Amino acid sequence: MKHSRVLISLLAVIALAFGWYLFAARHTPAGQPPLTTVQQESIAALRADFNQHADKIRIIILLSPT
């Protein structure tokens, strides 16, 4: 009986997390540019933006779904 409650709770948490991932609002704070997807066509613009602000701290985070 205890194992089934744990399993049901775990499934509920997974379902809630998946629902939040699908339906949560996607916005960035005021003053921050929106997140972008880097593709072959957008690398030149990324490089130009990165080099334009050489006097500031810059961070690039690459995330892969695999």
C-alpha atoms as a PDB file:
ATOM      1  CA  MET A   1       0.000   0.000   0.000  1.00  0.00           C
ATOM      2  CA  LYS A   2       2.823   2.409   0.873  1.00  0.00           C
ATOM      3  CA  HIS A   3       4.603   1.741  -2.425  1.00  0.00           C
ATOM      4  CA  SER A   4       1.477   2.554  -4.436  1.00  0.00           C
ATOM      5  CA  ARG A   5       1.103   5.922  -2.671  1.00  0.00           C
ATOM      6  CA  VAL A   6       4.736   6.764  -3.432  1.00  0.00           C
ATOM      7  CA  LEU A   7       4.265   5.754  -7.071  1.00  0.00           C
ATOM      8  CA  ILE A   8       1.062   7.795  -7.396  1.00  0.00           C
ATOM      9  CA  SER A   9       2.758  10.810  -5.794  1.00  0.00           C
ATOM     10  CA  LEU A  10       5.731  10.489  -8.115  1.00  0.00           C
ATOM     11  CA  LEU A  11       3.492  10.257 -11.167  1.00  0.00           C
ATOM     12  CA  ALA A  12       1.532  13.306  -9.996  1.00  0.00           C
ATOM     13  CA  VAL A  13       4.741  15.333  -9.591  1.00  0.00           C
ATOM     14  CA  ILE A  14       5.920  14.276 -13.060  1.00  0.00           C
ATOM     15  CA  ALA A  15       2.539  15.189 -14.577  1.00  0.00           C
ATOM     16  CA  LEU A  16       2.557  18.603 -12.888  1.00  0.00           C
ATOM     17  CA  ALA A  17       6.121  19.306 -14.029  1.00  0.00           C
ATOM     18  CA  PHE A  18       5.264  18.296 -17.594  1.00  0.00           C
ATOM     19  CA  GLY A  19       2.148  20.489 -17.561  1.00  0.00           C
ATOM     20  CA  TRP A  20       4.153  23.448 -16.254  1.00  0.00           C
ATOM     21  CA  TYR A  21       6.759  22.875 -18.964  1.00  0.00           C
ATOM     22  CA  LEU A  22       4.106  22.861 -21.692  1.00  0.00           C
ATOM     23  CA  PHE A  23       1.825  25.653 -20.506  1.00  0.00           C
ATOM     24  CA  ALA A  24       3.879  28.045 -18.360  1.00  0.00           C
ATOM     25  CA  ALA A  25       4.274  31.616 -19.595  1.00  0.00           C
ATOM     26  CA  ARG A  26       7.422  32.157 -21.619  1.00  0.00           C
ATOM     27  CA  HIS A  27       8.646  35.692 -21.069  1.00  0.00           C
ATOM     28  CA  THR A  28      11.831  37.427 -20.033  1.00  0.00           C
ATOM     29  CA  PRO A  29      12.121  40.228 -17.482  1.00  0.00           C
ATOM     30  CA  ALA A  30      11.783  43.835 -18.628  1.00  0.00           C
ATOM     31  CA  GLY A  31      14.999  45.137 -20.125  1.00  0.00           C
ATOM     32  CA  GLN A  32      16.347  41.686 -20.976  1.00  0.00           C
ATOM     33  CA  PRO A  33      16.369  40.528 -24.595  1.00  0.00           C
ATOM     34  CA  PRO A  34      14.361  37.373 -25.254  1.00  0.00           C
ATOM     35  CA  LEU A  35      16.033  33.979 -25.382  1.00  0.00           C
ATOM     36  CA  THR A  36      16.958  32.800 -28.851  1.00  0.00           C
ATOM     37  CA  THR A  37      17.771  29.574 -30.619  1.00  0.00           C
ATOM     38  CA  VAL A  38      21.176  29.535 -32.284  1.00  0.00           C
ATOM     39  CA  GLN A  39      21.027  28.210 -35.813  1.00  0.00           C
ATOM     40  CA  GLN A  40      23.459  28.301 -38.710  1.00  0.00           C
ATOM     41  CA  GLU A  41      21.794  31.464 -40.051  1.00  0.00           C
ATOM     42  CA  SER A  42      22.032  33.338 -36.726  1.00  0.00           C
ATOM     43  CA  ILE A  43      25.680  32.708 -35.815  1.00  0.00           C
ATOM     44  CA  ALA A  44      26.921  35.897 -37.508  1.00  0.00           C
ATOM     45  CA  ALA A  45      24.442  38.021 -35.523  1.00  0.00           C
ATOM     46  CA  LEU A  46      25.418  36.224 -32.295  1.00  0.00           C
ATOM     47  CA  ARG A  47      29.106  36.879 -32.965  1.00  0.00           C
ATOM     48  CA  ALA A  48      28.445  40.569 -33.697  1.00  0.00           C
ATOM     49  CA  ASP A  49      26.384  41.011 -30.499  1.00  0.00           C
ATOM     50  CA  PHE A  50      28.998  39.176 -28.448  1.00  0.00           C
ATOM     51  CA  ASN A  51      31.906  41.231 -29.792  1.00  0.00           C
ATOM     52  CA  GLN A  52      29.997  44.524 -29.479  1.00  0.00           C
ATOM     53  CA  HIS A  53      30.033  44.291 -25.678  1.00  0.00           C
ATOM     54  CA  ALA A  54      33.659  43.303 -25.067  1.00  0.00           C
ATOM     55  CA  ASP A  55      33.843  45.569 -21.987  1.00  0.00           C
ATOM     56  CA  LYS A  56      31.022  43.705 -20.172  1.00  0.00           C
ATOM     57  CA  ILE A  57      30.712  40.240 -18.703  1.00  0.00           C
ATOM     58  CA  ARG A  58      29.198  37.912 -21.300  1.00  0.00           C
ATOM     59  CA  ILE A  59      27.898  34.405 -20.781  1.00  0.00           C
ATOM     60  CA  ILE A  60      26.819  31.925 -23.422  1.00  0.00           C
ATOM     61  CA  ILE A  61      25.019  28.817 -22.226  1.00  0.00           C
ATOM     62  CA  LEU A  62      24.609  25.958 -24.669  1.00  0.00           C
ATOM     63  CA  LEU A  63      21.918  23.399 -23.821  1.00  0.00           C
ATOM     64  CA  SER A  64      21.391  20.236 -25.775  1.00  0.00           C
ATOM     65  CA  PRO A  65      18.320  17.988 -25.600  1.00  0.00           C
ATOM     66  CA  THR A  66      20.485  14.897 -26.076  1.00  0.00           C
END
